[in-house]
Amino acid sequence: MSKIVNIGIQQNGIDSTAPAAVSESGMALITTFMTDEEKTFVNDNYTLVNSSDRNEKGQAYIDLYPKAEDKLYIKNEVDKTVSENLDNAFGTATGTMMYVMKDFAEKSGQSTGSNSADNLKEIDLSKLYQMQPMLNMLPKQTIADARNEAITNDATILNQMGIYMTKAFYSELGIDVSHVQSAYIIRIGLLMLAIALLGGAATILVSLLSSRIAAGVAKNLRKDVFTKIEKFSPNEFGKFSTASLITRCTNDITQIQLLLMIGIRMICYAPIMATGGIIMALKKSVSMSWIIAVAVIALVGIIMIVMAIALPKFKIMQQLVDKLNLVSRENLSGMMVIRAFVTQQHEKDRFDKANDDITKTQLFIGRSMVSLMTGIMLIMNCITLVIVWVGAHQIASSSMQVGDMMAFMQYAMQIIMSFMMISMMFIFVPRAAVSAGRISEVLAVNDLIKDPQKPKAFDKTKKGLVEFKNVFFRYDNADEDALCDITFTAKPGQTTAIIG
């Protein structure tokens, strides 16, 4: 986005201070304000060609540059380092020229105005070319003094001056600058669109994988818990109520599934987004990085406060769900008894109390989350205002461009959102940890009745019977036997009972 604003809009799509082509007169003018080393460096990386010559693609230079003179300079194919050095050379030379012109204006008693790049927006190269003989006779010390003044400016200002000079060179050669601007904005826009589509595809893929992983884990957990419950004896059912086992097999496993699904998305995505945002924000402005630090500290602080208030409620939520299920099951299973003893109002009050308890807890948690989101939005809006305020002062002092400020704002929001996602995980984890502990309690129970690993089937051709000889029986934790030395036979097709 910063490139579209800084280069596409402010610089008319010209992304290099060193022009791709410049007239012979233009090269003579700009090199007047360069050092001998810079002149040599520029001459080594530019080639003087005839306008009738053709480039490597077979295009005639006169077609590319309709207003070109007989000869013009074409920039060679160079690497990034050389290109940056050329940009610095042209930018510094343009700034030096501005200070020389300022000195001329002051000596003639004319108003000089600002030394910013705005003075170059409507530059007339023909007048400067007329001054070339006089400029060639300038003492080297005069140019050196102007150069020393120019380099006191920020590199951004010198680059901006050079861009306007390059725009003038392009207009002189007949290049449609508006077309260059449109082409640049469209190219960067398509690149942004491609990245957005790639990000969207990655988001869909991550959502698919996280959903499948979470659903698979939940499926296996439900299978294991259900299989374990199927082996329970009445003794194990006495330790866990039926309502609690239902909650553990459904709601608790759903909490773990939700943590996995959201966790895979956030835990993998948020750190990458935060790291990338920090790196890009520091590239745009190191001096404004304190704003992001303040925002993150405030964000973490408000999340910690909400967690300290809401976490205890998360821990008792599952117990309240157990209680609500228990009351509901007792009302349904004991309906006839309730009617017989006329306790409908009592049971209704029990259900209302259980329902009110869980409703109040959910409302408390909901209000806490709403307060958290309100605080986060307040922090984000305040940070936006601070960035605009500080950035405006830096733009006014020409130490920052508008596009960089807008990009920094977006990166700051990206970093804050990343830390918010990471912090939100601390809310999901405790609730899922409680559910995981409840499920672990079920799976860790030692079965009193152990089924054989490989049970043998009875021979269907034979009929058998069950015979007890001298059997003793007592209830769990009882001090005495309920049955002593009992002997009986249970024959097939008959009902055998012990009365007494």
Protein backbone atom coordinates (compact mmCIF):
# COMPACT_ATOMS: atom_id res chain seq x y z
CA MET A 1 0.00 0.00 0.00
CA SER A 2 2.85 2.40 0.83
CA LYS A 3 4.27 1.88 -2.67
CA ILE A 4 0.95 2.83 -4.27
CA VAL A 5 0.77 6.03 -2.23
CA ASN A 6 4.46 7.00 -2.19
CA ILE A 7 5.47 5.90 -5.68
CA GLY A 8 2.23 5.42 -7.58
CA ILE A 9 0.55 8.67 -6.49
CA GLN A 10 3.22 11.02 -5.15
CA GLN A 11 5.98 10.01 -7.57
CA ASN A 12 3.76 9.42 -10.63
CA GLY A 13 4.77 5.77 -10.79
CA ILE A 14 8.50 6.58 -11.12
CA ASP A 15 10.22 4.15 -8.77
CA SER A 16 13.83 5.06 -9.52
CA THR A 17 15.55 8.40 -9.00
CA ALA A 18 18.08 7.54 -11.70
CA PRO A 19 16.19 7.91 -15.01
CA ALA A 20 15.99 4.98 -17.41
CA ALA A 21 16.70 7.44 -20.26
CA VAL A 22 17.89 11.03 -20.30
CA SER A 23 18.75 13.46 -23.08
CA GLU A 24 22.32 14.46 -23.75
CA SER A 25 21.59 17.98 -22.48
CA GLY A 26 19.89 16.62 -19.38
CA MET A 27 22.89 14.40 -18.56
CA ALA A 28 25.25 17.35 -18.98
CA LEU A 29 23.08 19.45 -16.65
CA ILE A 30 22.73 16.94 -13.80
CA THR A 31 26.37 15.80 -13.85
CA THR A 32 27.44 19.42 -13.36
CA PHE A 33 26.47 19.03 -9.72
CA MET A 34 28.14 15.65 -9.17
CA THR A 35 31.60 14.85 -7.86
CA ASP A 36 34.22 13.43 -10.22
CA GLU A 37 33.72 9.96 -8.74
CA GLU A 38 29.96 10.17 -9.27
CA LYS A 39 30.42 11.37 -12.86
CA THR A 40 32.66 8.40 -13.61
CA PHE A 41 30.23 6.03 -11.90
CA VAL A 42 27.25 7.41 -13.87
CA ASN A 43 29.13 7.32 -17.20
CA ASP A 44 30.04 3.67 -16.55
CA ASN A 45 26.39 2.72 -16.09
CA TYR A 46 24.83 4.77 -18.91
CA THR A 47 25.30 4.26 -22.63
CA LEU A 48 25.08 7.04 -25.22
CA VAL A 49 22.98 5.81 -28.18
CA ASN A 50 21.38 7.24 -31.30
CA SER A 51 17.64 7.68 -31.20
CA SER A 52 17.39 5.53 -34.32
CA ASP A 53 19.09 2.57 -32.62
CA ARG A 54 17.13 -0.38 -31.26
CA ASN A 55 17.21 -1.99 -27.85
CA GLU A 56 17.59 -5.71 -27.09
CA LYS A 57 13.87 -6.27 -27.73
CA GLY A 58 14.16 -4.74 -31.21
CA GLN A 59 12.29 -1.56 -30.32
CA ALA A 60 13.59 1.72 -31.75
CA TYR A 61 14.42 4.31 -29.11
CA ILE A 62 12.63 6.98 -31.13
CA ASP A 63 9.42 4.96 -30.72
CA LEU A 64 9.91 4.71 -26.96
CA TYR A 65 11.00 8.33 -26.59
CA PRO A 66 9.21 10.31 -29.37
CA LYS A 67 10.76 13.70 -28.51
CA ALA A 68 14.31 12.43 -28.11
CA GLU A 69 17.15 14.29 -29.76
CA ASP A 70 19.67 12.61 -32.04
CA LYS A 71 21.48 11.16 -29.06
CA LEU A 72 20.37 10.15 -25.58
CA TYR A 73 21.69 8.20 -22.61
CA ILE A 74 20.18 4.81 -21.72
CA LYS A 75 20.62 3.24 -18.30
CA ASN A 76 22.39 -0.14 -18.38
CA GLU A 77 21.07 -3.29 -16.73
CA VAL A 78 22.46 -3.05 -13.18
CA ASP A 79 22.03 -4.90 -9.91
CA LYS A 80 20.20 -3.57 -6.87
CA THR A 81 23.30 -2.14 -5.17
CA VAL A 82 24.42 -0.21 -8.24
CA SER A 83 20.88 1.03 -8.81
CA GLU A 84 20.70 2.38 -5.25
CA ASN A 85 24.05 4.14 -5.67
CA LEU A 86 22.83 5.71 -8.90
CA ASP A 87 19.66 6.89 -7.16
CA ASN A 88 21.76 8.48 -4.40
CA ALA A 89 23.99 10.19 -6.96
CA PHE A 90 21.08 11.68 -8.92
CA GLY A 91 19.17 12.65 -5.75
CA THR A 92 22.15 14.38 -4.19
CA ALA A 93 22.97 16.15 -7.48
CA THR A 94 19.38 17.43 -7.72
CA GLY A 95 19.49 18.69 -4.13
CA THR A 96 22.82 20.40 -4.86
CA MET A 97 21.30 22.08 -7.91
CA MET A 98 18.39 23.36 -5.79
CA TYR A 99 20.75 25.02 -3.31
CA VAL A 100 22.79 26.56 -6.13
CA MET A 101 19.60 28.00 -7.64
CA LYS A 102 18.57 29.23 -4.21
CA ASP A 103 21.90 31.07 -3.91
CA PHE A 104 21.37 32.66 -7.35
CA ALA A 105 17.87 33.78 -6.36
CA GLU A 106 19.02 35.29 -3.07
CA LYS A 107 21.78 37.26 -4.79
CA SER A 108 19.30 38.62 -7.33
CA GLY A 109 16.85 39.57 -4.57
CA GLN A 110 14.13 37.08 -5.63
CA SER A 111 12.00 34.98 -3.27
CA THR A 112 13.39 31.48 -2.88
CA GLY A 113 10.48 29.82 -1.09
CA SER A 114 10.92 26.32 0.28
CA ASN A 115 13.73 23.98 -0.60
CA SER A 116 11.41 21.00 -0.78
CA ALA A 117 10.65 18.87 -3.81
CA ASP A 118 7.61 21.07 -4.49
CA ASN A 119 9.92 23.62 -6.19
CA LEU A 120 10.71 21.03 -8.87
CA LYS A 121 7.13 20.13 -9.78
CA GLU A 122 6.92 22.75 -12.55
CA ILE A 123 10.61 22.89 -13.49
CA ASP A 124 11.48 24.30 -16.94
CA LEU A 125 14.48 22.40 -18.31
CA SER A 126 14.88 24.78 -21.28
CA LYS A 127 15.75 27.66 -18.93
CA LEU A 128 18.22 25.49 -17.07
CA TYR A 129 19.87 24.46 -20.35
CA GLN A 130 20.30 28.16 -21.18
CA MET A 131 22.14 28.57 -17.90
CA GLN A 132 24.49 25.64 -18.65
CA PRO A 133 27.47 27.81 -19.76
CA MET A 134 27.22 29.85 -16.57
CA LEU A 135 26.88 26.70 -14.46
CA ASN A 136 30.00 25.23 -16.04
CA MET A 137 31.97 28.26 -14.86
CA LEU A 138 30.85 27.95 -11.24
CA PRO A 139 33.74 27.54 -8.77
CA LYS A 140 34.02 24.00 -7.41
CA GLN A 141 33.82 25.40 -3.88
CA THR A 142 30.37 26.89 -4.61
CA ILE A 143 29.07 23.51 -5.74
CA ALA A 144 30.78 21.82 -2.79
CA ASP A 145 29.10 24.21 -0.32
CA ALA A 146 25.72 23.62 -1.94
CA ARG A 147 26.31 19.87 -1.80
CA ASN A 148 27.16 20.03 1.91
CA GLU A 149 23.87 21.84 2.53
CA ALA A 150 21.95 19.32 0.43
CA ILE A 151 23.23 16.23 2.24
CA THR A 152 21.98 17.66 5.56
CA ASN A 153 18.48 16.80 4.31
CA ASP A 154 16.93 13.41 4.87
CA ALA A 155 17.56 10.88 2.09
CA THR A 156 13.79 10.79 1.50
CA ILE A 157 13.78 14.48 0.59
CA LEU A 158 16.70 14.12 -1.81
CA ASN A 159 15.02 11.11 -3.39
CA GLN A 160 11.80 13.09 -3.82
CA MET A 161 13.70 15.94 -5.49
CA GLY A 162 15.41 13.50 -7.81
CA ILE A 163 12.08 11.91 -8.75
CA TYR A 164 10.66 15.26 -9.89
CA MET A 165 13.82 15.90 -11.90
CA THR A 166 13.48 12.46 -13.50
CA LYS A 167 9.84 13.23 -14.32
CA ALA A 168 11.00 16.38 -16.11
CA PHE A 169 13.58 14.35 -18.08
CA TYR A 170 10.88 11.84 -19.10
CA SER A 171 8.50 14.60 -20.18
CA GLU A 172 11.31 16.10 -22.26
CA LEU A 173 11.71 12.77 -24.08
CA GLY A 174 7.98 12.55 -24.79
CA ILE A 175 7.15 9.81 -22.28
CA ASP A 176 3.50 9.75 -21.16
CA VAL A 177 4.05 10.06 -17.40
CA SER A 178 0.36 9.52 -16.65
CA HIS A 179 0.58 6.17 -18.46
CA VAL A 180 3.65 5.26 -16.40
CA GLN A 181 1.71 6.11 -13.25
CA SER A 182 -1.33 4.05 -14.24
CA ALA A 183 0.82 1.08 -15.28
CA TYR A 184 2.68 1.13 -11.96
CA ILE A 185 -0.49 1.32 -9.85
CA ILE A 186 -2.10 -1.51 -11.84
CA ARG A 187 1.03 -3.66 -11.51
CA ILE A 188 1.30 -3.18 -7.74
CA GLY A 189 -2.47 -3.59 -7.39
CA LEU A 190 -2.38 -6.92 -9.22
CA LEU A 191 0.51 -8.01 -7.02
CA MET A 192 -1.51 -7.12 -3.91
CA LEU A 193 -4.50 -8.99 -5.32
CA ALA A 194 -2.38 -12.07 -6.00
CA ILE A 195 -0.99 -12.00 -2.45
CA ALA A 196 -4.51 -11.55 -1.04
CA LEU A 197 -5.79 -14.51 -3.07
CA LEU A 198 -2.83 -16.60 -1.92
CA GLY A 199 -3.55 -15.62 1.67
CA GLY A 200 -7.22 -16.48 1.22
CA ALA A 201 -6.33 -19.90 -0.20
CA ALA A 202 -3.95 -20.51 2.72
CA THR A 203 -6.67 -19.50 5.19
CA ILE A 204 -9.14 -21.93 3.61
CA LEU A 205 -6.57 -24.72 3.66
CA VAL A 206 -5.67 -24.06 7.31
CA SER A 207 -9.36 -23.99 8.24
CA LEU A 208 -9.92 -27.30 6.46
CA LEU A 209 -6.93 -28.99 8.10
CA SER A 210 -7.68 -27.63 11.57
CA SER A 211 -11.32 -28.71 11.32
CA ARG A 212 -10.40 -32.22 10.16
CA ILE A 213 -7.72 -32.61 12.84
CA ALA A 214 -10.02 -31.35 15.61
CA ALA A 215 -12.94 -33.49 14.42
CA GLY A 216 -10.69 -36.57 14.18
CA VAL A 217 -9.35 -36.10 17.71
CA ALA A 218 -12.87 -35.53 19.06
CA LYS A 219 -14.11 -38.65 17.28
CA ASN A 220 -11.37 -40.81 18.79
CA LEU A 221 -11.92 -39.32 22.24
CA ARG A 222 -15.67 -39.99 22.12
CA LYS A 223 -15.01 -43.53 21.00
CA ASP A 224 -12.53 -44.14 23.82
CA VAL A 225 -14.77 -42.57 26.47
CA PHE A 226 -17.88 -44.40 25.26
CA THR A 227 -16.00 -47.71 25.14
CA LYS A 228 -14.73 -47.12 28.66
CA ILE A 229 -18.20 -46.27 29.98
CA GLU A 230 -19.61 -49.44 28.40
CA LYS A 231 -17.30 -51.43 30.67
CA PHE A 232 -18.38 -49.65 33.85
CA SER A 233 -20.03 -51.62 36.61
CA PRO A 234 -22.63 -50.08 38.95
CA ASN A 235 -19.72 -49.23 41.25
CA GLU A 236 -18.12 -46.96 38.60
CA PHE A 237 -21.50 -45.45 37.74
CA GLY A 238 -21.79 -44.59 41.43
CA LYS A 239 -18.61 -42.51 41.25
CA PHE A 240 -19.80 -40.57 38.19
CA SER A 241 -23.43 -39.64 37.79
CA THR A 242 -25.04 -40.47 34.46
CA ALA A 243 -25.55 -36.75 33.80
CA SER A 244 -21.85 -36.07 34.39
CA LEU A 245 -20.83 -38.89 32.04
CA ILE A 246 -23.08 -37.47 29.33
CA THR A 247 -21.51 -34.03 29.77
CA ARG A 248 -18.00 -35.45 29.69
CA CYS A 249 -18.75 -37.42 26.54
CA THR A 250 -20.26 -34.45 24.72
CA ASN A 251 -19.65 -30.94 26.04
CA ASP A 252 -16.17 -31.57 27.46
CA ILE A 253 -14.93 -33.19 24.27
CA THR A 254 -16.44 -30.32 22.28
CA GLN A 255 -14.34 -27.88 24.35
CA ILE A 256 -11.18 -29.77 23.43
CA GLN A 257 -12.26 -29.89 19.78
CA LEU A 258 -12.84 -26.12 19.81
CA LEU A 259 -9.40 -25.50 21.35
CA LEU A 260 -7.68 -27.63 18.70
CA MET A 261 -9.56 -26.04 15.83
CA ILE A 262 -8.95 -22.45 16.94
CA GLY A 263 -5.50 -23.18 18.34
CA ILE A 264 -4.11 -24.59 15.12
CA ARG A 265 -5.27 -21.48 13.29
CA MET A 266 -4.10 -18.95 15.86
CA ILE A 267 -0.97 -20.56 17.29
CA CYS A 268 0.53 -21.10 13.85
CA TYR A 269 -0.82 -17.93 12.23
CA ALA A 270 -0.47 -15.25 14.90
CA PRO A 271 3.31 -15.51 15.59
CA ILE A 272 4.10 -15.42 11.87
CA MET A 273 1.85 -12.41 11.34
CA ALA A 274 3.25 -10.60 14.39
CA THR A 275 6.88 -11.24 13.41
CA GLY A 276 6.29 -10.09 9.85
CA GLY A 277 4.41 -7.01 11.06
CA ILE A 278 7.20 -6.02 13.45
CA ILE A 279 9.89 -6.39 10.77
CA MET A 280 7.94 -4.39 8.19
CA ALA A 281 6.92 -1.71 10.72
CA LEU A 282 10.53 -1.18 11.79
CA LYS A 283 11.50 -0.82 8.13
CA LYS A 284 8.96 1.98 7.76
CA SER A 285 9.78 3.88 10.96
CA VAL A 286 12.00 2.87 13.87
CA SER A 287 11.23 6.10 15.71
CA MET A 288 7.53 5.18 16.01
CA SER A 289 8.11 1.64 17.26
CA TRP A 290 7.42 2.76 20.85
CA ILE A 291 3.77 3.19 19.91
CA ILE A 292 3.46 -0.52 19.11
CA ALA A 293 5.24 -1.44 22.37
CA VAL A 294 2.81 0.69 24.41
CA ALA A 295 -0.16 -0.84 22.56
CA VAL A 296 1.01 -4.42 23.18
CA ILE A 297 1.66 -3.75 26.89
CA ALA A 298 -1.79 -2.17 27.29
CA LEU A 299 -3.41 -5.05 25.39
CA VAL A 300 -1.72 -7.75 27.47
CA GLY A 301 -2.59 -5.85 30.65
CA ILE A 302 -6.30 -5.64 29.92
CA ILE A 303 -6.43 -9.30 28.86
CA MET A 304 -4.69 -10.38 32.09
CA ILE A 305 -7.21 -8.41 34.17
CA VAL A 306 -10.18 -9.98 32.36
CA MET A 307 -8.62 -13.45 32.67
CA ALA A 308 -8.13 -13.02 36.41
CA ILE A 309 -11.82 -12.12 36.76
CA ALA A 310 -13.35 -14.62 34.31
CA LEU A 311 -11.19 -17.74 34.68
CA PRO A 312 -12.77 -18.95 37.94
CA LYS A 313 -16.14 -18.87 36.20
CA PHE A 314 -14.77 -20.96 33.33
CA LYS A 315 -13.70 -23.63 35.78
CA ILE A 316 -17.14 -24.05 37.38
CA MET A 317 -19.06 -23.87 34.10
CA GLN A 318 -18.78 -27.61 33.41
CA GLN A 319 -19.92 -28.46 36.92
CA LEU A 320 -23.00 -26.32 36.42
CA VAL A 321 -23.71 -28.12 33.13
CA ASP A 322 -23.45 -31.44 35.01
CA LYS A 323 -25.94 -30.20 37.60
CA LEU A 324 -28.39 -29.01 34.95
CA ASN A 325 -28.22 -32.36 33.14
CA LEU A 326 -28.69 -34.22 36.42
CA VAL A 327 -31.81 -32.27 37.38
CA SER A 328 -33.25 -32.67 33.86
CA ARG A 329 -32.67 -36.45 33.85
CA GLU A 330 -34.15 -36.87 37.33
CA ASN A 331 -37.27 -34.94 36.31
CA LEU A 332 -37.73 -37.05 33.20
CA SER A 333 -36.91 -40.45 34.69
CA GLY A 334 -38.88 -39.85 37.93
CA MET A 335 -41.90 -38.20 36.35
CA MET A 336 -44.40 -40.76 37.66
CA VAL A 337 -42.98 -40.63 41.20
CA ILE A 338 -42.99 -36.81 41.16
CA ARG A 339 -46.66 -36.81 40.22
CA ALA A 340 -47.48 -39.45 42.80
CA PHE A 341 -45.94 -37.43 45.65
CA VAL A 342 -47.09 -34.07 44.20
CA THR A 343 -43.57 -32.53 44.17
CA GLN A 344 -43.89 -30.78 40.80
CA GLN A 345 -43.24 -27.32 42.29
CA HIS A 346 -40.17 -28.53 44.19
CA GLU A 347 -38.68 -30.07 41.05
CA LYS A 348 -39.50 -26.94 39.06
CA ASP A 349 -37.67 -24.82 41.66
CA ARG A 350 -34.66 -27.16 41.48
CA PHE A 351 -34.52 -26.82 37.70
CA ASP A 352 -34.98 -23.05 37.84
CA LYS A 353 -32.12 -22.73 40.31
CA ALA A 354 -29.77 -24.87 38.20
CA ASN A 355 -30.80 -22.97 35.08
CA ASP A 356 -30.37 -19.57 36.77
CA ASP A 357 -26.90 -20.52 38.04
CA ILE A 358 -25.61 -21.47 34.62
CA THR A 359 -27.34 -18.46 33.00
CA LYS A 360 -25.73 -16.03 35.44
CA THR A 361 -22.33 -17.59 34.90
CA GLN A 362 -22.67 -17.42 31.14
CA LEU A 363 -23.84 -13.80 31.32
CA PHE A 364 -20.88 -12.92 33.52
CA ILE A 365 -18.45 -14.53 31.08
CA GLY A 366 -20.21 -12.89 28.13
CA ARG A 367 -20.03 -9.44 29.74
CA SER A 368 -16.35 -9.99 30.52
CA MET A 369 -15.64 -10.85 26.89
CA VAL A 370 -17.61 -7.82 25.69
CA SER A 371 -15.64 -5.59 28.05
CA LEU A 372 -12.42 -7.12 26.73
CA MET A 373 -13.37 -6.47 23.10
CA THR A 374 -14.42 -2.91 23.99
CA GLY A 375 -11.05 -2.31 25.62
CA ILE A 376 -9.20 -3.79 22.64
CA MET A 377 -11.11 -1.61 20.18
CA LEU A 378 -10.42 1.44 22.36
CA ILE A 379 -6.70 0.64 22.35
CA MET A 380 -6.66 0.13 18.58
CA ASN A 381 -8.46 3.42 17.91
CA CYS A 382 -6.21 5.32 20.31
CA ILE A 383 -3.13 3.83 18.66
CA THR A 384 -4.45 4.90 15.25
CA LEU A 385 -4.84 8.47 16.52
CA VAL A 386 -1.34 8.47 18.03
CA ILE A 387 0.20 7.14 14.81
CA VAL A 388 -1.58 9.80 12.75
CA TRP A 389 -0.54 12.52 15.21
CA VAL A 390 3.13 11.50 15.42
CA GLY A 391 3.30 10.59 11.74
CA ALA A 392 1.85 13.97 10.71
CA HIS A 393 4.65 15.76 12.54
CA GLN A 394 7.24 13.53 10.86
CA ILE A 395 5.65 14.14 7.46
CA ALA A 396 5.71 17.87 8.15
CA SER A 397 9.41 17.64 8.95
CA SER A 398 9.95 15.60 5.74
CA SER A 399 11.32 12.62 7.66
CA MET A 400 8.42 10.35 6.62
CA GLN A 401 6.12 9.89 3.66
CA VAL A 402 2.34 9.61 3.76
CA GLY A 403 2.35 6.09 2.36
CA ASP A 404 4.85 4.95 4.99
CA MET A 405 2.63 6.32 7.75
CA MET A 406 -0.40 4.50 6.33
CA ALA A 407 1.59 1.27 6.01
CA PHE A 408 2.92 1.64 9.57
CA MET A 409 -0.65 2.03 10.80
CA GLN A 410 -1.68 -1.18 9.06
CA TYR A 411 1.33 -3.07 10.42
CA ALA A 412 0.58 -1.78 13.92
CA MET A 413 -3.00 -3.08 13.69
CA GLN A 414 -1.66 -6.39 12.37
CA ILE A 415 0.75 -6.73 15.31
CA ILE A 416 -1.92 -5.81 17.86
CA MET A 417 -4.37 -8.32 16.35
CA SER A 418 -1.68 -11.01 16.45
CA PHE A 419 -0.96 -10.45 20.14
CA MET A 420 -4.69 -10.36 20.79
CA MET A 421 -5.11 -13.77 19.14
CA ILE A 422 -2.21 -15.20 21.13
CA SER A 423 -3.63 -13.78 24.35
CA MET A 424 -7.11 -15.11 23.57
CA MET A 425 -5.64 -18.61 23.58
CA PHE A 426 -5.02 -18.21 27.31
CA ILE A 427 -8.80 -17.97 27.69
CA PHE A 428 -9.58 -21.11 25.69
CA VAL A 429 -6.79 -23.20 27.24
CA PRO A 430 -7.99 -23.18 30.91
CA ARG A 431 -11.53 -24.15 29.96
CA ALA A 432 -10.28 -26.95 27.72
CA ALA A 433 -7.82 -28.02 30.43
CA VAL A 434 -10.70 -28.46 32.87
CA SER A 435 -12.57 -30.56 30.29
CA ALA A 436 -9.44 -32.60 29.56
CA GLY A 437 -9.04 -33.36 33.26
CA ARG A 438 -12.65 -34.51 33.52
CA ILE A 439 -12.23 -36.81 30.50
CA SER A 440 -8.96 -38.14 31.92
CA GLU A 441 -10.75 -39.07 35.15
CA VAL A 442 -13.09 -41.33 33.18
CA LEU A 443 -10.35 -42.93 31.10
CA ALA A 444 -8.12 -43.51 34.15
CA VAL A 445 -10.71 -45.57 36.09
CA ASN A 446 -9.63 -49.17 36.77
CA ASP A 447 -12.47 -51.51 35.79
CA LEU A 448 -13.63 -53.87 38.50
CA ILE A 449 -15.11 -56.18 35.88
CA LYS A 450 -12.55 -56.99 33.22
CA ASP A 451 -13.82 -58.62 30.06
CA PRO A 452 -11.55 -61.23 28.47
CA GLN A 453 -9.47 -60.03 25.57
CA LYS A 454 -10.56 -62.96 23.39
CA PRO A 455 -13.91 -64.26 24.64
CA LYS A 456 -14.89 -67.76 23.57
CA ALA A 457 -18.37 -68.40 22.15
CA PHE A 458 -20.57 -71.19 23.57
CA ASP A 459 -21.23 -74.23 21.46
CA LYS A 460 -24.75 -73.64 20.15
CA THR A 461 -25.37 -77.38 19.88
CA LYS A 462 -25.09 -77.77 23.65
CA LYS A 463 -27.30 -76.46 26.41
CA GLY A 464 -25.77 -75.41 29.70
CA LEU A 465 -26.76 -74.12 33.09
CA VAL A 466 -25.27 -71.85 35.77
CA GLU A 467 -24.55 -73.48 39.12
CA PHE A 468 -23.35 -71.73 42.29
CA LYS A 469 -21.75 -73.76 45.07
CA ASN A 470 -21.01 -72.30 48.51
CA VAL A 471 -21.11 -68.69 47.26
CA PHE A 472 -20.52 -65.65 49.53
CA PHE A 473 -21.53 -62.10 48.55
CA ARG A 474 -21.15 -58.69 50.17
CA TYR A 475 -21.70 -55.15 48.90
CA ASP A 476 -18.75 -52.86 48.25
CA ASN A 477 -17.26 -51.47 51.49
CA ALA A 478 -19.71 -53.54 53.59
CA ASP A 479 -18.48 -55.03 56.89
CA GLU A 480 -20.41 -58.31 56.61
CA ASP A 481 -21.53 -60.66 53.87
CA ALA A 482 -25.10 -60.27 52.68
CA LEU A 483 -25.20 -63.91 51.47
CA CYS A 484 -23.29 -66.74 53.06
CA ASP A 485 -22.63 -70.26 51.78
CA ILE A 486 -25.34 -70.17 49.09
CA THR A 487 -25.70 -73.04 46.65
CA PHE A 488 -28.23 -73.02 43.79
CA THR A 489 -28.64 -73.82 40.11
CA ALA A 490 -30.03 -71.42 37.46
CA LYS A 491 -31.57 -73.57 34.74
CA PRO A 492 -32.22 -72.25 31.23
CA GLY A 493 -35.77 -71.03 30.63
CA GLN A 494 -36.46 -70.60 34.37
CA THR A 495 -36.35 -67.51 36.61
CA THR A 496 -34.17 -67.93 39.66
CA ALA A 497 -34.36 -65.32 42.46
CA ILE A 498 -33.04 -64.84 45.99
CA ILE A 499 -35.62 -63.44 48.39
CA GLY A 500 -34.74 -62.22 51.81
